[in-house]
Protein backbone atom coordinates (compact mmCIF):
# COMPACT_ATOMS: atom_id res chain seq x y z
CA MET A 1 -33.85 106.67 9.29
CA ALA A 2 -30.19 107.45 9.78
CA GLY A 3 -28.96 104.16 11.94
CA CYS A 4 -30.68 101.94 8.86
CA ARG A 5 -29.16 104.52 6.48
CA GLY A 6 -27.43 102.00 4.49
CA LEU A 7 -25.50 100.95 1.06
CA PRO A 8 -27.31 101.55 -2.78
CA ASN A 9 -28.81 97.71 -3.49
CA ASP A 10 -26.74 97.81 -6.60
CA PRO A 11 -23.47 100.22 -5.73
CA VAL A 12 -22.00 101.95 -8.35
CA ALA A 13 -19.48 100.52 -9.77
CA GLY A 14 -16.08 102.60 -10.15
CA GLU A 15 -13.86 103.72 -13.80
CA PRO A 16 -11.36 101.69 -14.54
CA SER A 17 -7.83 103.22 -14.27
CA TYR A 18 -4.48 102.63 -14.12
CA ALA A 19 -0.92 103.95 -13.41
CA LEU A 20 -0.48 106.58 -15.41
CA PRO A 21 3.67 107.42 -15.91
CA PRO A 22 5.68 109.37 -14.20
CA PRO A 23 6.54 112.49 -14.76
CA ALA A 24 9.42 113.90 -16.38
CA LEU A 25 11.20 116.61 -14.24
CA GLY A 26 10.40 116.77 -10.67
CA PRO A 27 12.74 115.69 -7.46
CA LEU A 28 11.38 111.97 -7.03
CA VAL A 29 12.42 112.13 -11.15
CA ASP A 30 16.22 113.12 -9.93
CA PHE A 31 16.37 111.23 -6.82
CA THR A 32 15.00 108.07 -9.02
CA ALA A 33 17.66 108.87 -11.17
CA ALA A 34 21.12 109.47 -8.98
CA CYS A 35 19.99 106.18 -6.98
CA GLU A 36 19.99 103.72 -10.45
CA GLU A 37 23.09 105.24 -11.45
CA ARG A 38 24.53 103.29 -8.53
CA VAL A 39 23.32 100.24 -9.39
CA ASP A 40 22.84 98.21 -12.46
CA GLN A 41 20.33 98.40 -15.22
CA LYS A 42 18.07 96.24 -13.51
CA GLN A 43 17.67 96.08 -9.64
CA SER A 44 16.60 98.87 -7.67
CA CYS A 45 17.65 100.95 -4.84
CA PHE A 46 15.81 100.64 -0.76
CA LEU A 47 16.40 102.25 1.91
CA LEU A 48 15.50 100.17 5.66
CA LEU A 49 12.88 102.28 7.52
CA ASP A 50 13.54 101.40 11.32
CA ASP A 51 12.62 104.59 12.40
CA ASN A 52 8.88 105.67 13.42
CA TYR A 53 9.72 109.92 12.60
CA ASP A 54 11.88 109.03 10.04
CA ASP A 55 9.71 106.76 8.39
CA LEU A 56 6.50 110.00 8.27
CA ASN A 57 10.10 112.14 6.78
CA TRP A 58 9.63 110.00 3.81
CA ARG A 59 6.42 109.72 3.97
CA LEU A 60 6.12 113.06 3.57
CA ALA A 61 8.09 114.19 2.07
CA LEU A 62 7.26 112.31 -1.18
CA ILE A 63 3.67 113.39 -0.84
CA ASP A 64 5.28 116.74 -1.32
CA SER A 65 7.06 116.09 -3.58
CA ALA A 66 4.63 114.98 -6.15
CA ARG A 67 4.45 115.81 -9.90
CA VAL A 68 1.49 113.22 -11.30
CA SER A 69 -0.54 111.04 -9.51
CA ILE A 70 -0.10 109.29 -5.45
CA ASP A 71 -2.01 105.69 -4.83
CA VAL A 72 -2.38 104.63 -1.45
CA GLN A 73 -3.32 101.47 -0.80
CA THR A 74 -3.46 100.93 3.44
CA TYR A 75 -6.07 98.99 6.02
CA LEU A 76 -6.19 101.09 8.79
CA TRP A 77 -6.16 105.23 8.59
CA ALA A 78 -6.29 106.58 12.09
CA ARG A 79 -8.45 110.33 12.42
CA ASP A 80 -5.45 111.25 14.71
CA PHE A 81 -2.84 113.53 13.80
CA SER A 82 -0.29 112.15 11.61
CA GLY A 83 -3.32 111.05 9.75
CA GLN A 84 -5.42 113.61 9.26
CA LEU A 85 -1.65 115.49 8.41
CA LEU A 86 -0.48 112.94 5.86
CA PHE A 87 -4.87 113.38 4.64
CA ARG A 88 -3.57 117.01 4.50
CA ARG A 89 -1.20 116.70 2.30
CA ILE A 90 -2.77 114.42 -0.32
CA LEU A 91 -4.71 116.89 -0.52
CA ALA A 92 -2.85 119.47 -1.38
CA ALA A 93 -1.29 117.28 -3.51
CA ALA A 94 -4.08 117.17 -5.55
CA GLU A 95 -5.62 120.43 -5.76
CA ARG A 96 -1.26 120.99 -7.82
CA GLY A 97 -2.93 119.08 -10.10
CA VAL A 98 -1.54 114.93 -8.29
CA ARG A 99 -4.05 112.22 -9.26
CA VAL A 100 -4.88 110.66 -5.27
CA ARG A 101 -6.83 107.25 -5.75
CA LEU A 102 -7.05 105.97 -1.63
CA LEU A 103 -8.31 102.29 -0.63
CA VAL A 104 -8.60 101.91 2.02
CA ASP A 105 -10.11 98.24 4.20
CA ASP A 106 -13.86 98.74 5.24
CA PHE A 107 -13.92 97.46 8.21
CA LEU A 108 -12.62 100.56 10.55
CA THR A 109 -14.08 103.11 8.85
CA ARG A 110 -16.61 104.04 11.33
CA ARG A 111 -18.71 107.09 11.06
CA VAL A 112 -16.79 108.72 7.68
CA ASP A 113 -19.18 108.07 5.33
CA ARG A 114 -20.50 111.78 4.95
CA VAL A 115 -16.50 113.19 5.21
CA ILE A 116 -15.27 110.27 2.55
CA ALA A 117 -17.44 111.21 -0.25
CA THR A 118 -18.14 114.99 0.27
CA LEU A 119 -14.00 114.41 -0.51
CA ASP A 120 -14.29 112.14 -3.32
CA HIS A 121 -16.36 115.45 -5.29
CA LEU A 122 -12.32 117.31 -4.96
CA PRO A 123 -10.47 117.61 -8.37
CA ASN A 124 -7.98 114.37 -8.34
CA VAL A 125 -9.30 112.79 -5.84
CA GLU A 126 -10.68 109.18 -5.84
CA ILE A 127 -11.76 107.37 -2.15
CA ARG A 128 -12.60 103.14 -2.26
CA LEU A 129 -12.99 101.06 0.54
CA TRP A 130 -13.17 97.57 0.21
CA ASN A 131 -15.95 94.80 1.06
CA PRO A 132 -17.76 97.49 2.48
CA GLY A 133 -21.06 96.22 4.58
CA SER A 134 -24.25 97.41 3.53
CA GLN A 135 -25.25 98.91 6.16
CA ARG A 136 -23.36 101.41 7.85
CA GLN A 137 -24.60 102.36 10.49
CA LEU A 138 -25.79 100.71 13.96
CA GLY A 139 -27.12 97.53 12.26
CA ARG A 140 -23.06 97.71 11.09
CA ASN A 141 -21.51 94.83 13.82
CA LEU A 142 -25.40 92.17 13.27
CA GLU A 143 -24.60 92.87 9.83
CA TYR A 144 -20.82 91.82 9.80
CA LEU A 145 -21.85 88.89 12.56
CA ALA A 146 -24.92 87.83 9.62
CA ARG A 147 -22.30 87.51 6.98
CA LEU A 148 -18.96 86.88 8.71
CA ARG A 149 -17.76 84.23 5.78
CA GLU A 150 -17.93 87.45 3.24
CA LEU A 151 -17.14 89.98 5.07
CA ASN A 152 -14.24 88.35 7.73
CA HIS A 153 -11.84 89.18 4.34
CA ARG A 154 -10.09 92.36 4.85
CA LEU A 155 -7.40 93.97 3.04
CA HIS A 156 -3.75 94.04 4.82
CA ASN A 157 -1.76 95.11 2.85
CA LYS A 158 -0.27 98.63 2.73
CA VAL A 159 1.56 100.31 0.26
CA MET A 160 1.98 104.46 -0.60
CA ILE A 161 3.34 105.06 -4.47
CA VAL A 162 4.50 108.40 -5.64
CA ASP A 163 4.18 109.21 -9.76
CA ASN A 164 4.90 105.74 -10.29
CA LEU A 165 8.97 106.26 -9.77
CA ALA A 166 8.85 105.47 -5.44
CA PHE A 167 7.10 103.27 -2.91
CA ILE A 168 7.14 102.90 1.12
CA SER A 169 5.67 99.55 2.14
CA GLY A 170 5.86 96.80 5.05
CA GLY A 171 4.05 96.71 7.67
CA ARG A 172 2.85 100.03 9.27
CA ASN A 173 -0.76 101.63 9.25
CA ILE A 174 -1.51 105.58 8.87
CA GLY A 175 -1.93 106.52 12.95
CA ASP A 176 0.08 107.69 15.03
CA ALA A 177 0.86 104.73 17.04
CA TYR A 178 3.29 103.97 13.92
CA PHE A 179 5.01 107.23 14.11
CA GLY A 180 5.75 107.51 17.73
CA LEU A 181 3.70 110.36 17.97
CA SER A 182 1.04 108.38 20.63
CA SER A 183 1.51 108.43 24.42
CA SER A 184 -0.21 105.54 25.46
CA TYR A 185 1.72 102.57 23.39
CA ASN A 186 4.47 102.90 20.25
CA PHE A 187 4.85 100.28 18.05
CA PHE A 188 8.67 99.41 16.50
CA ASP A 189 7.61 98.34 12.21
CA LEU A 190 9.87 97.78 9.49
CA ASP A 191 8.99 99.54 6.62
CA LEU A 192 11.42 100.00 2.81
CA LEU A 193 11.34 102.84 0.89
CA ALA A 194 12.12 101.83 -3.02
CA VAL A 195 12.03 103.29 -6.42
CA GLY A 196 14.38 101.58 -9.78
CA PRO A 197 12.74 98.19 -11.65
CA VAL A 198 10.53 96.95 -8.47
CA VAL A 199 8.07 100.26 -9.13
CA PRO A 200 5.92 99.00 -12.15
CA PRO A 201 4.91 95.68 -10.05
CA VAL A 202 4.00 97.18 -7.31
CA SER A 203 1.95 99.96 -9.52
CA ALA A 204 0.36 97.01 -11.40
CA MET A 205 -0.72 95.20 -8.11
CA PHE A 206 -2.24 98.45 -6.84
CA ASP A 207 -3.99 98.53 -10.00
CA ARG A 208 -5.78 95.18 -9.85
CA TYR A 209 -6.85 95.93 -6.48
CA TRP A 210 -8.84 98.90 -7.08
CA ASN A 211 -10.01 98.25 -10.57
CA SER A 212 -11.44 94.77 -8.00
CA PRO A 213 -15.46 94.65 -7.48
CA GLN A 214 -14.86 94.81 -3.90
CA ALA A 215 -13.11 98.08 -4.11
CA VAL A 216 -16.20 99.92 -4.04
CA PRO A 217 -16.58 104.15 -5.29
CA SER A 218 -17.01 106.19 -1.81
CA PHE A 219 -19.93 108.26 -3.30
CA ASN A 220 -21.85 105.27 -2.71
CA PHE A 221 -22.00 105.78 0.65
CA TYR A 222 -23.11 108.75 1.53
CA SER A 223 -25.80 109.76 -1.72
CA ARG A 224 -26.31 113.71 -0.46
CA ALA A 225 -22.77 114.68 -0.19
CA THR A 226 -21.99 117.19 -2.33
CA ALA A 227 -18.66 120.10 -3.21
CA GLU A 228 -20.17 122.47 -1.54
CA TRP A 229 -20.09 120.35 1.91
CA ILE A 230 -15.49 120.98 0.84
CA PRO A 231 -14.19 123.58 2.54
CA ARG A 232 -16.52 123.29 5.63
CA VAL A 233 -14.25 119.52 5.93
CA LYS A 234 -11.37 121.08 5.02
CA ALA A 235 -11.41 124.52 7.14
CA ASP A 236 -12.57 121.33 10.80
CA LEU A 237 -9.30 119.01 9.64
CA ASP A 238 -7.61 122.79 9.14
CA ALA A 239 -8.02 123.52 12.65
CA SER A 240 -8.53 119.92 14.58
CA LEU A 241 -4.07 119.74 12.91
CA ASN A 242 -3.16 123.35 13.65
CA ALA A 243 -4.72 122.46 17.68
CA SER A 244 -3.15 119.62 18.44
CA PRO A 245 0.54 119.42 20.17
CA LEU A 246 1.92 117.55 18.06
CA SER A 247 2.01 120.47 15.03
CA ASP A 248 4.81 121.97 17.70
CA VAL A 249 6.45 118.30 16.79
CA VAL A 250 5.47 118.06 12.56
CA ASP A 251 4.97 121.31 10.81
CA VAL A 252 2.41 120.63 9.50
CA GLU A 253 2.84 122.55 6.44
CA HIS A 254 4.76 121.65 2.65
CA GLY A 255 8.23 120.57 4.01
CA GLU A 256 11.65 120.98 2.19
CA TRP A 257 12.70 118.82 1.31
CA SER A 258 15.96 118.31 -0.86
CA SER A 259 18.78 117.72 2.13
CA ARG A 260 16.35 114.38 3.13
CA PHE A 261 16.82 113.00 -0.84
CA GLU A 262 20.76 114.09 -1.11
CA ASP A 263 20.61 111.76 2.57
CA GLY A 264 18.68 109.36 0.03
CA ILE A 265 20.71 108.50 -2.73
CA ALA A 266 23.92 107.81 -0.52
CA THR A 267 22.42 106.07 1.59
CA MET A 268 20.52 103.57 -0.23
CA VAL A 269 21.21 99.74 -1.40
CA ALA A 270 21.02 97.68 -4.23
CA GLY A 271 18.79 94.58 -4.47
CA ASP A 272 17.05 92.92 -7.25
CA ALA A 273 13.65 92.33 -5.89
CA GLU A 274 9.94 90.28 -5.95
CA VAL A 275 6.95 91.38 -4.71
CA ILE A 276 4.38 88.61 -3.59
CA TYR A 277 0.68 89.57 -2.68
CA ASP A 278 -2.59 87.92 -2.99
CA LYS A 279 -4.75 88.03 -6.26
CA PRO A 280 -7.83 89.41 -5.43
CA GLY A 281 -11.06 87.91 -6.17
CA GLU A 282 -14.92 87.93 -5.22
CA ARG A 283 -14.85 85.81 -2.91
CA ALA A 284 -11.49 84.56 -0.69
CA PRO A 285 -8.65 86.08 -1.49
CA SER A 286 -5.70 83.43 -3.37
CA GLN A 287 -2.87 82.75 -1.13
CA HIS A 288 0.32 83.45 -3.74
CA ALA A 289 1.92 85.57 -0.52
CA LEU A 290 1.82 82.68 2.04
CA TYR A 291 2.87 80.30 -1.63
CA GLY A 292 5.74 83.13 -2.34
CA LEU A 293 6.68 83.59 1.73
CA LYS A 294 7.32 79.49 1.77
CA ARG A 295 9.69 79.88 -1.38
CA PHE A 296 11.36 82.15 -0.19
CA LEU A 297 11.21 80.59 3.09
CA ASP A 298 13.16 77.95 1.17
CA ARG A 299 16.16 79.84 0.43
CA ALA A 300 17.13 79.34 3.71
CA GLU A 301 20.97 76.82 4.29
CA SER A 302 22.27 78.53 7.77
CA GLU A 303 19.76 81.15 9.38
CA VAL A 304 16.62 82.59 9.20
CA GLN A 305 15.40 85.75 11.69
CA ALA A 306 11.47 86.93 11.35
CA ALA A 307 9.81 89.31 13.78
CA ASN A 308 5.88 88.29 13.19
CA ALA A 309 3.95 90.25 15.68
CA TYR A 310 0.66 87.98 15.82
CA LEU A 311 1.76 85.30 15.40
CA VAL A 312 -0.12 82.12 15.54
CA PRO A 313 1.58 79.45 14.02
CA GLY A 314 -0.59 76.45 12.64
CA GLU A 315 0.66 73.42 10.72
CA PRO A 316 2.37 74.82 7.98
CA PHE A 317 4.81 76.78 10.46
CA PHE A 318 5.37 73.56 12.29
CA ASN A 319 6.06 71.87 8.87
CA GLY A 320 8.17 74.63 7.70
CA ALA A 321 9.88 74.73 10.88
CA ARG A 322 10.67 70.69 10.87
CA GLU A 323 12.28 71.63 8.05
CA LEU A 324 13.84 73.86 8.37
CA GLU A 325 15.77 71.76 11.15
CA ALA A 326 16.09 69.19 9.30
CA ARG A 327 17.94 70.79 7.00
CA GLY A 328 20.67 72.56 9.97
CA VAL A 329 18.80 75.52 9.79
CA ASP A 330 18.60 77.59 13.09
CA MET A 331 15.49 79.48 13.32
CA ALA A 332 14.45 82.67 15.90
CA ILE A 333 11.33 84.73 15.80
CA ILE A 334 10.98 87.81 17.94
CA THR A 335 7.15 88.62 18.65
CA ASN A 336 5.21 90.50 21.34
CA SER A 337 4.43 89.21 25.53
CA LEU A 338 1.79 90.00 26.57
CA GLY A 339 2.39 93.07 28.19
CA SER A 340 3.43 94.24 24.85
CA THR A 341 0.96 93.00 22.06
CA ASN A 342 -2.53 95.38 21.95
CA GLN A 343 -4.21 92.40 20.91
CA THR A 344 -4.50 89.93 24.26
CA ILE A 345 -7.08 87.96 22.27
CA VAL A 346 -4.45 87.72 19.54
CA HIS A 347 -1.46 86.10 22.07
CA HIS A 348 -3.30 83.92 24.39
CA ALA A 349 -3.45 81.40 20.71
CA TYR A 350 0.20 82.05 20.30
CA SER A 351 0.76 81.47 24.41
CA ARG A 352 -1.06 77.25 22.86
CA ALA A 353 1.58 77.16 20.30
CA ARG A 354 5.28 77.99 22.28
CA LEU A 355 6.08 74.92 24.08
CA PRO A 356 5.42 72.91 20.49
CA MET A 357 7.88 75.82 18.53
CA LEU A 358 10.17 75.02 21.22
CA GLU A 359 10.17 71.68 20.43
CA ALA A 360 11.13 71.92 16.93
CA GLY A 361 14.62 73.75 17.59
CA VAL A 362 12.17 77.86 16.85
CA ASP A 363 14.46 79.91 19.23
CA VAL A 364 11.52 82.24 20.62
CA PHE A 365 11.49 85.40 21.81
CA GLU A 366 9.29 87.94 23.20
CA MET A 367 9.17 91.96 23.30
CA LYS A 368 9.46 94.24 26.25
CA TYR A 369 6.96 96.93 26.53
CA HIS A 370 10.02 99.26 28.88
CA PRO A 371 12.86 97.53 25.50
CA GLU A 372 15.91 99.28 26.10
CA ILE A 373 15.25 100.76 22.40
CA GLN A 374 11.92 102.94 23.96
CA SER A 375 13.01 105.94 23.79
CA GLU A 376 13.98 105.30 19.90
CA LEU A 377 10.55 104.69 19.15
CA ASP A 378 8.53 107.38 20.88
CA THR A 379 9.77 110.86 19.06
CA PRO A 380 10.21 113.25 21.80
CA PRO A 381 8.51 114.26 23.18
CA ILE A 382 6.82 111.94 23.11
CA GLU A 383 7.43 109.42 26.34
CA SER A 384 4.70 106.30 25.49
CA SER A 385 3.39 104.58 28.11
CA TRP A 386 5.03 101.36 26.60
CA VAL A 387 6.19 100.17 23.69
CA GLY A 388 4.69 96.99 20.85
CA LEU A 389 5.93 95.13 18.14
CA HIS A 390 4.16 95.43 14.89
CA ALA A 391 6.97 94.24 12.33
CA LYS A 392 6.58 91.48 9.55
CA ALA A 393 9.89 90.97 8.35
CA ALA A 394 12.24 87.68 8.18
CA VAL A 395 15.95 87.78 6.70
CA ILE A 396 17.31 84.91 5.71
CA ASP A 397 21.49 83.91 5.54
CA ARG A 398 21.73 87.54 6.32
CA GLU A 399 20.71 88.12 2.63
CA HIS A 400 17.53 88.12 1.45
CA VAL A 401 14.73 89.66 3.42
CA PHE A 402 11.00 89.86 3.71
CA ILE A 403 9.31 93.27 4.07
CA GLY A 404 5.95 93.45 4.64
CA SER A 405 1.93 92.71 5.52
CA PHE A 406 1.94 88.85 6.25
CA ASN A 407 0.79 87.92 10.17
CA PHE A 408 2.20 84.00 10.95
CA SER A 409 -1.33 83.25 11.48
CA PRO A 410 -4.41 82.30 10.18
CA ARG A 411 -5.85 85.23 9.49
CA SER A 412 -2.99 86.53 7.34
CA ARG A 413 -2.85 82.68 5.75
CA ASN A 414 -6.92 82.56 4.80
CA LEU A 415 -8.90 85.36 4.76
CA ASN A 416 -6.60 88.11 4.84
CA THR A 417 -5.87 89.82 1.60
CA GLU A 418 -1.52 90.34 2.17
CA MET A 419 1.50 91.02 0.26
CA GLY A 420 5.29 91.12 0.98
CA ILE A 421 8.45 93.19 -0.87
CA LEU A 422 11.68 90.37 -1.58
CA VAL A 423 14.67 91.87 -1.40
CA HIS A 424 17.52 89.79 -2.57
CA SER A 425 20.45 92.09 -1.34
CA PRO A 426 23.52 91.48 0.88
CA GLU A 427 24.14 94.88 1.95
CA PHE A 428 20.29 95.44 2.81
CA GLY A 429 20.32 92.10 4.64
CA GLU A 430 23.40 92.89 7.15
CA GLN A 431 21.14 96.01 7.38
CA THR A 432 18.12 94.22 8.59
CA ALA A 433 19.87 91.16 10.41
CA ARG A 434 21.47 93.21 12.46
CA VAL A 435 18.51 95.26 13.43
CA MET A 436 17.18 92.58 14.40
CA ASP A 437 19.91 91.43 15.96
CA ARG A 438 19.49 94.41 18.08
CA LEU A 439 14.90 93.75 18.72
CA LYS A 440 16.21 90.23 20.47
CA SER A 441 18.77 91.44 22.44
CA PRO A 442 18.26 90.41 26.45
CA GLU A 443 17.45 93.88 26.67
CA ASN A 444 14.62 94.57 24.29
CA ALA A 445 12.93 90.93 24.74
CA TRP A 446 12.53 87.94 26.89
CA LYS A 447 14.45 84.56 25.66
CA LEU A 448 12.22 81.38 25.94
CA GLY A 449 13.16 78.51 27.44
CA ILE A 450 12.88 75.80 29.29
CA ASP A 451 13.44 74.69 32.95
CA ASP A 452 14.83 71.72 34.68
CA GLU A 453 10.26 70.64 35.57
CA GLY A 454 9.61 71.64 31.81
CA ARG A 455 7.27 74.89 32.08
CA LEU A 456 8.75 78.44 30.61
CA ALA A 457 10.53 80.64 31.54
CA TRP A 458 11.60 83.61 29.89
CA GLU A 459 15.07 85.26 30.16
CA SER A 460 16.17 88.94 29.73
CA ALA A 461 18.36 90.81 30.75
CA ASP A 462 16.90 91.66 34.09
CA GLY A 463 17.34 88.13 35.23
CA THR A 464 14.00 85.07 34.41
CA LEU A 465 11.29 85.00 35.51
CA GLY A 466 8.82 82.01 35.90
CA SER A 467 5.63 83.10 34.91
CA GLN A 468 4.91 85.57 31.70
CA PRO A 469 5.09 89.28 31.71
CA SER A 470 2.33 90.76 31.74
CA GLN A 471 1.52 94.81 32.70
CA SER A 472 -1.49 93.94 34.80
CA PHE A 473 -3.61 91.67 36.74
CA TRP A 474 -6.86 93.11 33.82
CA ARG A 475 -4.06 91.98 30.76
CA ASN A 476 -3.55 88.28 32.69
CA ILE A 477 -7.56 88.85 33.53
CA GLN A 478 -8.61 88.84 29.66
CA ASN A 479 -6.20 86.61 28.45
CA GLY A 480 -7.66 83.87 30.76
CA VAL A 481 -11.00 84.68 28.82
CA PHE A 482 -9.68 84.95 25.06
CA GLY A 483 -8.82 81.29 25.77
CA LEU A 484 -12.35 79.73 26.43
CA PHE A 485 -13.18 80.33 22.98
CA PRO A 486 -11.81 78.29 19.31
CA LEU A 487 -11.25 81.79 17.62
CA GLU A 488 -7.59 81.40 16.33
CA GLN A 489 -9.06 81.08 12.30
CA HIS A 490 -10.12 83.99 12.97
CA LEU A 491 -7.31 85.88 14.11
């Protein structure tokens, strides 16, 4: 009976709720005011978060400083150390009276229905899952296949908004590999921290998703959950955190963040901003993020640099690349090599497009799985086995920047909901371009070329390879097997 457990036929909808006004006092009020004093009234302030550990600490600083509200929207919330740590600190904020709204995609939330339904009974906490399947246990995979057209639409947006004053958004999910805390592998990723006029539109986006029929309150998933279970769930969470060796790397308890905010005030830069996102619906999401990104790329006059983790270019990509080439715009893109990807199935689909991209005039780079920057992606004393790329970002003419969740792939174009922040700022653009330059350097990436016999070649500081770099023979086998199936439209 437990294996057949599912959602009720008519799940109870959540009560509509909306972003709360910012507090009158508090550290984030002071931080925001100090940043905005340095810029024009219509501009926002931005901080590029290209360091994994720094990104984690900024999230903790915002959470610990919250006075009114915390809103989080994400695709993946892992049950590892960083996932538990951020969740525990958010629960502590709720205990202080902060309203918490958590919206998580349902695809990767297996075996946690009882826990989230229990925590939904906490005062000031509400959790909703996006586009959930009705079967919650053994029949879940079968239901996904049977209802693929409906359940294949996933929430891929990533944003954390605190006190309606500041937010962090970009490519990172919530999990150890995104904060340099995994001994298996860690990612290079890009987020940004923002304050100013760009915040209310992002809060409005969150509200639109939160109040959508596809955002289902978690109490529907385990009707027997009661508030009496809360102490046990919190005790288990605390025990797991304190038993982890990573508790010696990141403080489990509430932190003091005044020096971090002072440094942030000094280093944030001004810029105009736009928010692009797919409008949620009951069926397929819109393509507003795609159209917004196309308008963004149309601004290019001389140079486009992009980092895209799961690159499966289709006709829209090639049309855009050809248009840029015709206008004399140089385009360079870095993605994962077979050795650095955590999604071998996606890599095979991408590999079919490598020669066409080069022939279309695109400079293509693939990240090394042991790059020079590996020690910077690992949070000491962590030493991962390898590293990969997870960023979804672009910079145009070293002045206009996109940071978001959008991969150049059929899934991002047609299936997922996506979002991004467009920043127009020469200073922020130059910072982002320098990060891209380093990421594409011969010490960190292979540059693809075509040899005299028309075959692909991989060139880096270590020399030139005539076959694609891979960590193991098993990866090559996987790559070949996935090529037997026509899966591009789902990747």
